[in-house]
Every structure is written in structure tokens, then in C-alpha cells.
Amino acid sequence: MRPVLCLMGNELFDEINSDAWHVATAIELFHNFTLIHDDIMDKAPLRRGKETVHSKFGESTALLAGDVMLVTAYDYLNKVNSTYIHSIVSLFNKTAKGVCEGQQLDMDFEKMDEISLETYLNMIELKTSVLLAASLKFGSILGGASVRNQNLLYEFGRKLGIAFQVQDDYLDAFGDPEKFGKQPGGDIKSNKKTFLLVQALTIADEAQKKELKKLMQDKGDQKTGKVLQIFRDCKVNEWAIQLKNKYLDEAFVHLDDVAVLSKRKDALKEMAKFLVQRDY
């Protein structure tokens, strides 16, 4: 998805620059590097329906595999034309730092009883949104877009990234595990803060909140159904769909402001709709 967004960001303004393929490859390598390391931190046994690297080969091998992927990503960035390389590498490094900071916040949140929606949104922007936004901006830079158009496309990607994460949180709780490719209720089992949990703790009555906090201390696998029932009782599943659509609408406002022919934006609009309406 992310490398495709890079290519689409380029194609929005001009024919695909050959350097876009190098940057797109670097993006995908970086993203998968983060997934390998994230799965270790989350102790996740499955990724995309398959055994995670650390589960299959051990944590040490998984750490090194991720490290090599990051180094290889920079090998591809090093192939970019000197005209663009400074802008590309600067944005890549800023994005990489943000993703790492977001992952640290995500882990910090696991030790906190409650967090605000605003705080959670900040974490999601760093962990998820900035890479989607940067992927689009990389493409726009290589496509010769103006700074204004680059920034508008970045904001489109940032809002799209939030909508994407809302859908991801929703699917983890309420999606079909056969399609989603992860453990059902994996976030609940690992006590991860998600849009659903943050909102439930905000609007639940005292009895529900007390039960939720008690369940969050439980390390067993039997709590998932109970937590999901509280989510349904608080209607956070319905709220999540509304929130997702809100951010998607805001994303489209930024895309509409990009100064290119509307017809050229159709493919990006279709991609955005797919990302936030998917069931896997």
C-alpha cells in the first residue's frame, strides 16, 4: 500500500519518475522492518495470517533481519538522483523517527490505566499516519509538485492514516479473523490501547469502567468476549465507524484542494475508500 501511494503521489503530477521505484522499495522495506520489530514487542504469533518472524526463527534472528531491511532501505534511497536526494532522505529520517516515537508511546500506553483520545490520536499520527503521508509526499516531490501541493497531499495522507487505523482497530475487535489475518481480539488480549478502548473508558458508566479495568488486568484468553460486549453496550463499534468516516471526509477536503485536474485524483480517492472500507 505505502509504495503504491508513493507512485500514485508521483503520477498525480507527472509521469512516474524512475527514482520513485527506488523510494517505493525503500518505503516497503522500512515498513516491514517496523512490523518485524513490532511483532517482537507485541509478542504477536501471527502477521497477515502467517507465523511471525520471531515466532518461526527466534527473536535474535528477527531483530537482525529487521536491521538488515532498514540498511537495505537506505541502499535504495542512495540511488535517488542528487536533485531530490536531500529532500527525500530528510523526510525519510523525520518519518522514521516519528514511527519509532509512536511505537514507544504505544508501549507506554500499555502501562497506563487511561489516556485521552487526543493523546491516543497523537500516537497514531506518529506510528501510522506519518508513513502514509510521507509516502504520498515522496511521490509528489519526485513528480515536481509545488510545496503547497506537497503539503496538501501530506495532510490528505495524515488524515487517511488516522481513518485507516480506526478501521484497523475496529477489525481487530469485530472483523472476521479468517479475512483479517490476525488473532481475533489480539489487541484486547495484549491490553493494547485502541480507539475502541479509549472511547469505552471515556463514556462507560462506573460499573462498566470498573469491569473494563478489571478485565485489562486479566492475562487470560477468556476476557475477549466480555470486553467486546462492553464495547457493544457502549456503542463504540458504531462510534468508530462514524470517526473513521469523519477523518476520511477531512482527508478528501485536502485532496480536493490540490491544484491538479480533478480527474487525476480519482485513483487516489478510490484507494482511500478501499483502505478504510476493507474487511481485512
C-alpha atoms as a PDB file:
ATOM      1  CA  MET A   1       0.000   0.000   0.000  1.00  0.00           C
ATOM      2  CA  ARG A   2       2.628   2.557   1.033  1.00  0.00           C
ATOM      3  CA  PRO A   3       4.886   2.142  -2.011  1.00  0.00           C
ATOM      4  CA  VAL A   4       1.807   2.283  -4.226  1.00  0.00           C
ATOM      5  CA  LEU A   5       0.849   5.591  -2.586  1.00  0.00           C
ATOM      6  CA  CYS A   6       4.340   6.886  -3.378  1.00  0.00           C
ATOM      7  CA  LEU A   7       3.883   6.016  -7.043  1.00  0.00           C
ATOM      8  CA  MET A   8       0.376   7.481  -7.083  1.00  0.00           C
ATOM      9  CA  GLY A   9       1.638  10.675  -5.437  1.00  0.00           C
ATOM     10  CA  ASN A  10       4.163  10.983  -8.267  1.00  0.00           C
ATOM     11  CA  GLU A  11       1.664  10.148 -11.006  1.00  0.00           C
ATOM     12  CA  LEU A  12      -0.780  12.740  -9.707  1.00  0.00           C
ATOM     13  CA  PHE A  13       1.554  15.453 -11.047  1.00  0.00           C
ATOM     14  CA  ASP A  14       3.628  13.853 -13.789  1.00  0.00           C
ATOM     15  CA  GLU A  15       4.709  10.582 -15.382  1.00  0.00           C
ATOM     16  CA  ILE A  16       6.417   8.259 -12.915  1.00  0.00           C
ATOM     17  CA  ASN A  17       9.992   9.294 -12.205  1.00  0.00           C
ATOM     18  CA  SER A  18      12.349   6.303 -12.258  1.00  0.00           C
ATOM     19  CA  ASP A  19      13.554   7.306  -8.768  1.00  0.00           C
ATOM     20  CA  ALA A  20      10.034   6.701  -7.434  1.00  0.00           C
ATOM     21  CA  TRP A  21      10.627   2.948  -7.755  1.00  0.00           C
ATOM     22  CA  HIS A  22      13.720   3.204  -5.540  1.00  0.00           C
ATOM     23  CA  VAL A  23      11.876   5.278  -2.927  1.00  0.00           C
ATOM     24  CA  ALA A  24       8.831   2.984  -3.046  1.00  0.00           C
ATOM     25  CA  THR A  25      11.056  -0.029  -2.424  1.00  0.00           C
ATOM     26  CA  ALA A  26      12.751   1.733   0.487  1.00  0.00           C
ATOM     27  CA  ILE A  27       9.356   2.547   1.998  1.00  0.00           C
ATOM     28  CA  GLU A  28       8.217  -1.072   1.840  1.00  0.00           C
ATOM     29  CA  LEU A  29      11.480  -2.338   3.328  1.00  0.00           C
ATOM     30  CA  PHE A  30      11.241   0.192   6.147  1.00  0.00           C
ATOM     31  CA  HIS A  31       7.611  -0.658   6.851  1.00  0.00           C
ATOM     32  CA  ASN A  32       8.332  -4.375   7.064  1.00  0.00           C
ATOM     33  CA  PHE A  33      11.344  -3.706   9.274  1.00  0.00           C
ATOM     34  CA  THR A  34       8.993  -1.975  11.732  1.00  0.00           C
ATOM     35  CA  LEU A  35       6.497  -4.836  11.568  1.00  0.00           C
ATOM     36  CA  ILE A  36       9.133  -7.448  12.415  1.00  0.00           C
ATOM     37  CA  HIS A  37      10.263  -5.441  15.441  1.00  0.00           C
ATOM     38  CA  ASP A  38       6.698  -4.515  16.454  1.00  0.00           C
ATOM     39  CA  ASP A  39       5.694  -8.181  16.447  1.00  0.00           C
ATOM     40  CA  ILE A  40       8.555  -8.955  18.838  1.00  0.00           C
ATOM     41  CA  MET A  41       7.465  -6.172  21.200  1.00  0.00           C
ATOM     42  CA  ASP A  42       3.812  -7.202  20.968  1.00  0.00           C
ATOM     43  CA  LYS A  43       4.639 -10.916  21.254  1.00  0.00           C
ATOM     44  CA  ALA A  44       2.366 -11.444  18.251  1.00  0.00           C
ATOM     45  CA  PRO A  45       2.292 -15.008  16.859  1.00  0.00           C
ATOM     46  CA  LEU A  46       0.616 -14.112  13.536  1.00  0.00           C
ATOM     47  CA  ARG A  47       1.065 -11.447  10.877  1.00  0.00           C
ATOM     48  CA  ARG A  48      -1.020 -11.482   7.698  1.00  0.00           C
ATOM     49  CA  GLY A  49      -2.234 -14.943   8.610  1.00  0.00           C
ATOM     50  CA  LYS A  50       1.274 -16.395   8.821  1.00  0.00           C
ATOM     51  CA  GLU A  51       3.709 -17.146  11.624  1.00  0.00           C
ATOM     52  CA  THR A  52       5.692 -14.051  12.598  1.00  0.00           C
ATOM     53  CA  VAL A  53       9.444 -13.978  12.002  1.00  0.00           C
ATOM     54  CA  HIS A  54      10.362 -14.103  15.691  1.00  0.00           C
ATOM     55  CA  SER A  55       7.933 -16.987  16.300  1.00  0.00           C
ATOM     56  CA  LYS A  56       9.449 -19.019  13.491  1.00  0.00           C
ATOM     57  CA  PHE A  57      13.141 -18.124  13.721  1.00  0.00           C
ATOM     58  CA  GLY A  58      13.617 -16.648  17.209  1.00  0.00           C
ATOM     59  CA  GLU A  59      13.860 -13.078  18.493  1.00  0.00           C
ATOM     60  CA  SER A  60      17.575 -12.589  17.798  1.00  0.00           C
ATOM     61  CA  THR A  61      17.228 -13.563  14.149  1.00  0.00           C
ATOM     62  CA  ALA A  62      14.115 -11.396  13.805  1.00  0.00           C
ATOM     63  CA  LEU A  63      15.922  -8.359  15.248  1.00  0.00           C
ATOM     64  CA  LEU A  64      18.817  -8.793  12.842  1.00  0.00           C
ATOM     65  CA  ALA A  65      16.503  -9.413   9.893  1.00  0.00           C
ATOM     66  CA  GLY A  66      14.734  -6.151  10.634  1.00  0.00           C
ATOM     67  CA  ASP A  67      18.023  -4.293  10.968  1.00  0.00           C
ATOM     68  CA  VAL A  68      19.217  -5.553   7.587  1.00  0.00           C
ATOM     69  CA  MET A  69      15.932  -4.474   5.975  1.00  0.00           C
ATOM     70  CA  LEU A  70      16.438  -0.940   7.306  1.00  0.00           C
ATOM     71  CA  VAL A  71      20.015  -0.818   5.986  1.00  0.00           C
ATOM     72  CA  THR A  72      18.833  -2.107   2.605  1.00  0.00           C
ATOM     73  CA  ALA A  73      16.156   0.602   2.522  1.00  0.00           C
ATOM     74  CA  TYR A  74      18.931   3.212   2.663  1.00  0.00           C
ATOM     75  CA  ASP A  75      20.741   1.401  -0.140  1.00  0.00           C
ATOM     76  CA  TYR A  76      17.719   2.116  -2.343  1.00  0.00           C
ATOM     77  CA  LEU A  77      17.459   5.736  -1.209  1.00  0.00           C
ATOM     78  CA  ASN A  78      21.109   6.160  -2.134  1.00  0.00           C
ATOM     79  CA  LYS A  79      20.160   5.510  -5.775  1.00  0.00           C
ATOM     80  CA  VAL A  80      17.957   8.619  -5.960  1.00  0.00           C
ATOM     81  CA  ASN A  81      19.076  11.468  -8.226  1.00  0.00           C
ATOM     82  CA  SER A  82      21.065  14.168  -6.428  1.00  0.00           C
ATOM     83  CA  THR A  83      18.372  16.717  -7.351  1.00  0.00           C
ATOM     84  CA  TYR A  84      15.936  15.065  -4.928  1.00  0.00           C
ATOM     85  CA  ILE A  85      18.024  13.029  -2.528  1.00  0.00           C
ATOM     86  CA  HIS A  86      18.368  15.662   0.209  1.00  0.00           C
ATOM     87  CA  SER A  87      14.609  16.283   0.394  1.00  0.00           C
ATOM     88  CA  ILE A  88      13.839  12.572   0.219  1.00  0.00           C
ATOM     89  CA  VAL A  89      16.318  11.452   2.881  1.00  0.00           C
ATOM     90  CA  SER A  90      15.378  14.311   5.223  1.00  0.00           C
ATOM     91  CA  LEU A  91      11.695  13.377   5.029  1.00  0.00           C
ATOM     92  CA  PHE A  92      12.523   9.676   5.338  1.00  0.00           C
ATOM     93  CA  ASN A  93      14.560  10.244   8.514  1.00  0.00           C
ATOM     94  CA  LYS A  94      11.940  12.526  10.059  1.00  0.00           C
ATOM     95  CA  THR A  95       9.275   9.921   9.307  1.00  0.00           C
ATOM     96  CA  ALA A  96      11.349   7.033  10.677  1.00  0.00           C
ATOM     97  CA  LYS A  97      11.935   8.897  13.945  1.00  0.00           C
ATOM     98  CA  GLY A  98       8.228   9.616  14.219  1.00  0.00           C
ATOM     99  CA  VAL A  99       7.287   5.979  13.687  1.00  0.00           C
ATOM    100  CA  CYS A 100       9.722   4.877  16.400  1.00  0.00           C
ATOM    101  CA  GLU A 101       8.400   7.525  18.792  1.00  0.00           C
ATOM    102  CA  GLY A 102       4.852   6.387  18.059  1.00  0.00           C
ATOM    103  CA  GLN A 103       5.732   2.782  18.825  1.00  0.00           C
ATOM    104  CA  GLN A 104       7.313   3.829  22.131  1.00  0.00           C
ATOM    105  CA  LEU A 105       4.172   5.764  23.063  1.00  0.00           C
ATOM    106  CA  ASP A 106       2.064   2.747  22.143  1.00  0.00           C
ATOM    107  CA  MET A 107       4.078   0.603  24.550  1.00  0.00           C
ATOM    108  CA  ASP A 108       3.983   3.301  27.247  1.00  0.00           C
ATOM    109  CA  PHE A 109       0.206   3.413  26.996  1.00  0.00           C
ATOM    110  CA  GLU A 110       0.003  -0.279  27.923  1.00  0.00           C
ATOM    111  CA  LYS A 111       1.157   0.657  31.434  1.00  0.00           C
ATOM    112  CA  MET A 112      -1.364   3.483  31.838  1.00  0.00           C
ATOM    113  CA  ASP A 113      -4.913   2.943  33.094  1.00  0.00           C
ATOM    114  CA  GLU A 114      -6.458   5.677  30.981  1.00  0.00           C
ATOM    115  CA  ILE A 115      -5.390   8.025  28.210  1.00  0.00           C
ATOM    116  CA  SER A 116      -7.270  10.778  26.417  1.00  0.00           C
ATOM    117  CA  LEU A 117      -8.434  10.478  22.828  1.00  0.00           C
ATOM    118  CA  GLU A 118      -6.214  13.456  21.942  1.00  0.00           C
ATOM    119  CA  THR A 119      -3.139  11.664  23.340  1.00  0.00           C
ATOM    120  CA  TYR A 120      -4.036   8.481  21.510  1.00  0.00           C
ATOM    121  CA  LEU A 121      -4.515  10.382  18.247  1.00  0.00           C
ATOM    122  CA  ASN A 122      -1.020  11.849  18.610  1.00  0.00           C
ATOM    123  CA  MET A 123       0.412   8.346  18.965  1.00  0.00           C
ATOM    124  CA  ILE A 124      -1.495   7.089  15.923  1.00  0.00           C
ATOM    125  CA  GLU A 125      -0.317  10.019  13.818  1.00  0.00           C
ATOM    126  CA  LEU A 126       3.271   9.118  14.633  1.00  0.00           C
ATOM    127  CA  LYS A 127       3.007   5.348  14.433  1.00  0.00           C
ATOM    128  CA  THR A 128       0.743   5.031  11.396  1.00  0.00           C
ATOM    129  CA  SER A 129      -0.244   8.277   9.690  1.00  0.00           C
ATOM    130  CA  VAL A 130       3.138   9.873   9.076  1.00  0.00           C
ATOM    131  CA  LEU A 131       4.358   6.983   6.921  1.00  0.00           C
ATOM    132  CA  LEU A 132       1.252   7.076   4.722  1.00  0.00           C
ATOM    133  CA  ALA A 133       1.516  10.852   4.478  1.00  0.00           C
ATOM    134  CA  ALA A 134       5.237  10.734   3.702  1.00  0.00           C
ATOM    135  CA  SER A 135       4.732   8.059   1.045  1.00  0.00           C
ATOM    136  CA  LEU A 136       2.433  10.416  -0.840  1.00  0.00           C
ATOM    137  CA  LYS A 137       4.739  13.395  -0.320  1.00  0.00           C
ATOM    138  CA  PHE A 138       7.758  11.430  -1.578  1.00  0.00           C
ATOM    139  CA  GLY A 139       5.876  10.855  -4.802  1.00  0.00           C
ATOM    140  CA  SER A 140       4.805  14.473  -5.090  1.00  0.00           C
ATOM    141  CA  ILE A 141       8.389  15.660  -4.634  1.00  0.00           C
ATOM    142  CA  LEU A 142       9.553  13.374  -7.435  1.00  0.00           C
ATOM    143  CA  GLY A 143       6.587  14.486  -9.549  1.00  0.00           C
ATOM    144  CA  GLY A 144       7.672  18.129  -9.354  1.00  0.00           C
ATOM    145  CA  ALA A 145       4.735  19.356  -7.253  1.00  0.00           C
ATOM    146  CA  SER A 146       4.771  22.772  -5.623  1.00  0.00           C
ATOM    147  CA  VAL A 147       5.442  22.960  -1.889  1.00  0.00           C
ATOM    148  CA  ARG A 148       1.778  23.828  -1.304  1.00  0.00           C
ATOM    149  CA  ASN A 149       0.605  20.759  -3.204  1.00  0.00           C
ATOM    150  CA  GLN A 150       3.160  18.588  -1.417  1.00  0.00           C
ATOM    151  CA  ASN A 151       1.831  19.738   1.954  1.00  0.00           C
ATOM    152  CA  LEU A 152      -1.816  19.294   0.944  1.00  0.00           C
ATOM    153  CA  LEU A 153      -1.099  15.751  -0.183  1.00  0.00           C
ATOM    154  CA  TYR A 154       0.732  15.100   3.092  1.00  0.00           C
ATOM    155  CA  GLU A 155      -2.323  16.275   5.064  1.00  0.00           C
ATOM    156  CA  PHE A 156      -4.541  14.054   2.932  1.00  0.00           C
ATOM    157  CA  GLY A 157      -2.320  11.111   3.844  1.00  0.00           C
ATOM    158  CA  ARG A 158      -2.195  12.065   7.526  1.00  0.00           C
ATOM    159  CA  LYS A 159      -5.982  12.130   7.874  1.00  0.00           C
ATOM    160  CA  LEU A 160      -6.289   8.985   5.765  1.00  0.00           C
ATOM    161  CA  GLY A 161      -3.812   7.279   8.095  1.00  0.00           C
ATOM    162  CA  ILE A 162      -5.983   8.025  11.127  1.00  0.00           C
ATOM    163  CA  ALA A 163      -9.077   6.673   9.362  1.00  0.00           C
ATOM    164  CA  PHE A 164      -7.054   3.613   8.361  1.00  0.00           C
ATOM    165  CA  GLN A 165      -6.036   2.965  11.989  1.00  0.00           C
ATOM    166  CA  VAL A 166      -9.605   3.363  13.242  1.00  0.00           C
ATOM    167  CA  GLN A 167     -10.625   0.684  10.758  1.00  0.00           C
ATOM    168  CA  ASP A 168      -7.665  -1.477  11.815  1.00  0.00           C
ATOM    169  CA  ASP A 169      -8.683  -1.240  15.485  1.00  0.00           C
ATOM    170  CA  TYR A 170     -12.278  -1.990  14.550  1.00  0.00           C
ATOM    171  CA  LEU A 171     -11.341  -5.058  12.500  1.00  0.00           C
ATOM    172  CA  ASP A 172      -9.101  -6.403  15.259  1.00  0.00           C
ATOM    173  CA  ALA A 173     -12.113  -6.447  17.561  1.00  0.00           C
ATOM    174  CA  PHE A 174     -15.046  -7.067  15.238  1.00  0.00           C
ATOM    175  CA  GLY A 175     -13.538  -8.322  11.970  1.00  0.00           C
ATOM    176  CA  ASP A 176     -13.507 -11.843  10.557  1.00  0.00           C
ATOM    177  CA  PRO A 177     -10.146 -13.362  11.665  1.00  0.00           C
ATOM    178  CA  GLU A 178     -10.062 -15.514   8.526  1.00  0.00           C
ATOM    179  CA  LYS A 179     -10.024 -12.351   6.422  1.00  0.00           C
ATOM    180  CA  PHE A 180      -8.113 -10.063   8.792  1.00  0.00           C
ATOM    181  CA  GLY A 181      -5.200 -12.494   9.220  1.00  0.00           C
ATOM    182  CA  LYS A 182      -4.637 -11.839  12.925  1.00  0.00           C
ATOM    183  CA  GLN A 183      -5.754 -13.344  16.186  1.00  0.00           C
ATOM    184  CA  PRO A 184      -9.327 -12.303  16.984  1.00  0.00           C
ATOM    185  CA  GLY A 185      -9.226  -9.687  19.724  1.00  0.00           C
ATOM    186  CA  GLY A 186      -5.433  -9.666  19.699  1.00  0.00           C
ATOM    187  CA  ASP A 187      -5.337  -6.060  20.926  1.00  0.00           C
ATOM    188  CA  ILE A 188      -7.685  -6.926  23.777  1.00  0.00           C
ATOM    189  CA  LYS A 189      -5.608  -9.927  24.844  1.00  0.00           C
ATOM    190  CA  SER A 190      -2.446  -7.843  24.957  1.00  0.00           C
ATOM    191  CA  ASN A 191      -4.226  -4.949  26.736  1.00  0.00           C
ATOM    192  CA  LYS A 192      -3.346  -2.530  23.956  1.00  0.00           C
ATOM    193  CA  LYS A 193      -4.942   0.863  24.000  1.00  0.00           C
ATOM    194  CA  THR A 194      -7.066   1.281  20.885  1.00  0.00           C
ATOM    195  CA  PHE A 195      -9.634   3.791  19.678  1.00  0.00           C
ATOM    196  CA  LEU A 196     -12.313   1.427  20.951  1.00  0.00           C
ATOM    197  CA  LEU A 197     -10.877   1.015  24.437  1.00  0.00           C
ATOM    198  CA  VAL A 198     -10.043   4.704  24.860  1.00  0.00           C
ATOM    199  CA  GLN A 199     -13.579   5.696  23.914  1.00  0.00           C
ATOM    200  CA  ALA A 200     -15.179   2.977  26.055  1.00  0.00           C
ATOM    201  CA  LEU A 201     -13.257   4.129  29.126  1.00  0.00           C
ATOM    202  CA  THR A 202     -14.380   7.687  28.385  1.00  0.00           C
ATOM    203  CA  ILE A 203     -18.126   7.078  28.016  1.00  0.00           C
ATOM    204  CA  ALA A 204     -18.745   3.900  30.062  1.00  0.00           C
ATOM    205  CA  ASP A 205     -20.737   4.116  33.268  1.00  0.00           C
ATOM    206  CA  GLU A 206     -18.923   3.446  36.534  1.00  0.00           C
ATOM    207  CA  ALA A 207     -19.828  -0.260  36.618  1.00  0.00           C
ATOM    208  CA  GLN A 208     -18.683  -0.826  33.028  1.00  0.00           C
ATOM    209  CA  LYS A 209     -15.491   1.154  33.592  1.00  0.00           C
ATOM    210  CA  LYS A 210     -14.709  -0.861  36.728  1.00  0.00           C
ATOM    211  CA  GLU A 211     -15.289  -4.114  34.834  1.00  0.00           C
ATOM    212  CA  LEU A 212     -13.137  -2.974  31.905  1.00  0.00           C
ATOM    213  CA  LYS A 213     -10.235  -2.047  34.174  1.00  0.00           C
ATOM    214  CA  LYS A 214     -10.537  -5.394  35.932  1.00  0.00           C
ATOM    215  CA  LEU A 215     -10.536  -7.247  32.618  1.00  0.00           C
ATOM    216  CA  MET A 216      -7.475  -5.291  31.480  1.00  0.00           C
ATOM    217  CA  GLN A 217      -5.544  -6.792  34.386  1.00  0.00           C
ATOM    218  CA  ASP A 218      -6.558 -10.300  33.308  1.00  0.00           C
ATOM    219  CA  LYS A 219      -3.929 -12.142  31.273  1.00  0.00           C
ATOM    220  CA  GLY A 220      -6.270 -14.961  30.242  1.00  0.00           C
ATOM    221  CA  ASP A 221      -7.868 -15.547  26.854  1.00  0.00           C
ATOM    222  CA  GLN A 222     -11.433 -15.621  28.205  1.00  0.00           C
ATOM    223  CA  LYS A 223     -11.755 -11.858  28.589  1.00  0.00           C
ATOM    224  CA  THR A 224     -12.134 -11.032  24.886  1.00  0.00           C
ATOM    225  CA  GLY A 225     -15.839 -11.782  24.683  1.00  0.00           C
ATOM    226  CA  LYS A 226     -16.589  -9.817  27.844  1.00  0.00           C
ATOM    227  CA  VAL A 227     -14.673  -6.764  26.636  1.00  0.00           C
ATOM    228  CA  LEU A 228     -16.369  -6.911  23.228  1.00  0.00           C
ATOM    229  CA  GLN A 229     -19.755  -6.997  24.917  1.00  0.00           C
ATOM    230  CA  ILE A 230     -18.934  -3.837  26.869  1.00  0.00           C
ATOM    231  CA  PHE A 231     -17.788  -2.228  23.616  1.00  0.00           C
ATOM    232  CA  ARG A 232     -21.131  -3.089  22.033  1.00  0.00           C
ATOM    233  CA  ASP A 233     -23.083  -1.914  25.064  1.00  0.00           C
ATOM    234  CA  CYS A 234     -21.257   1.429  24.898  1.00  0.00           C
ATOM    235  CA  LYS A 235     -21.815   1.506  21.115  1.00  0.00           C
ATOM    236  CA  VAL A 236     -18.126   2.204  20.480  1.00  0.00           C
ATOM    237  CA  ASN A 237     -18.316  -0.019  17.397  1.00  0.00           C
ATOM    238  CA  GLU A 238     -20.827   2.432  15.885  1.00  0.00           C
ATOM    239  CA  TRP A 239     -18.779   5.414  17.107  1.00  0.00           C
ATOM    240  CA  ALA A 240     -15.648   4.031  15.425  1.00  0.00           C
ATOM    241  CA  ILE A 241     -17.374   3.861  12.052  1.00  0.00           C
ATOM    242  CA  GLN A 242     -18.506   7.486  12.423  1.00  0.00           C
ATOM    243  CA  LEU A 243     -14.995   8.590  13.442  1.00  0.00           C
ATOM    244  CA  LYS A 244     -13.438   6.758  10.509  1.00  0.00           C
ATOM    245  CA  ASN A 245     -15.799   8.490   8.079  1.00  0.00           C
ATOM    246  CA  LYS A 246     -15.102  11.879   9.684  1.00  0.00           C
ATOM    247  CA  TYR A 247     -11.359  11.593   9.047  1.00  0.00           C
ATOM    248  CA  LEU A 248     -11.900  10.226   5.553  1.00  0.00           C
ATOM    249  CA  ASP A 249     -14.083  13.240   4.727  1.00  0.00           C
ATOM    250  CA  GLU A 250     -11.435  15.608   6.096  1.00  0.00           C
ATOM    251  CA  ALA A 251      -8.778  13.814   4.048  1.00  0.00           C
ATOM    252  CA  PHE A 252     -10.800  14.362   0.881  1.00  0.00           C
ATOM    253  CA  VAL A 253     -11.041  18.103   1.605  1.00  0.00           C
ATOM    254  CA  HIS A 254      -7.226  18.320   1.485  1.00  0.00           C
ATOM    255  CA  LEU A 255      -7.082  16.236  -1.688  1.00  0.00           C
ATOM    256  CA  ASP A 256      -9.723  18.413  -3.337  1.00  0.00           C
ATOM    257  CA  ASP A 257      -7.533  21.475  -2.657  1.00  0.00           C
ATOM    258  CA  VAL A 258      -4.561  20.009  -4.541  1.00  0.00           C
ATOM    259  CA  ALA A 259      -4.142  22.080  -7.709  1.00  0.00           C
ATOM    260  CA  VAL A 260      -4.421  19.421 -10.400  1.00  0.00           C
ATOM    261  CA  LEU A 261      -7.302  18.286 -12.584  1.00  0.00           C
ATOM    262  CA  SER A 262      -9.988  16.525 -10.549  1.00  0.00           C
ATOM    263  CA  LYS A 263      -9.905  13.518 -12.864  1.00  0.00           C
ATOM    264  CA  ARG A 264      -6.288  12.856 -11.905  1.00  0.00           C
ATOM    265  CA  LYS A 265      -7.364  12.437  -8.262  1.00  0.00           C
ATOM    266  CA  ASP A 266      -9.898   9.669  -8.936  1.00  0.00           C
ATOM    267  CA  ALA A 267      -7.453   6.801  -8.412  1.00  0.00           C
ATOM    268  CA  LEU A 268      -6.344   8.207  -5.030  1.00  0.00           C
ATOM    269  CA  LYS A 269      -9.943   8.622  -3.949  1.00  0.00           C
ATOM    270  CA  GLU A 270     -10.694   5.010  -4.841  1.00  0.00           C
ATOM    271  CA  MET A 271      -7.591   3.837  -2.974  1.00  0.00           C
ATOM    272  CA  ALA A 272      -8.570   5.852   0.104  1.00  0.00           C
ATOM    273  CA  LYS A 273     -12.088   4.399   0.126  1.00  0.00           C
ATOM    274  CA  PHE A 274     -10.687   0.893  -0.180  1.00  0.00           C
ATOM    275  CA  LEU A 275      -8.295   1.385   2.741  1.00  0.00           C
ATOM    276  CA  VAL A 276     -10.972   2.489   5.179  1.00  0.00           C
ATOM    277  CA  GLN A 277     -13.752   0.182   3.984  1.00  0.00           C
ATOM    278  CA  ARG A 278     -11.727  -3.020   3.766  1.00  0.00           C
ATOM    279  CA  ASP A 279     -12.638  -6.074   5.827  1.00  0.00           C
ATOM    280  CA  TYR A 280      -9.085  -7.458   6.083  1.00  0.00           C
END
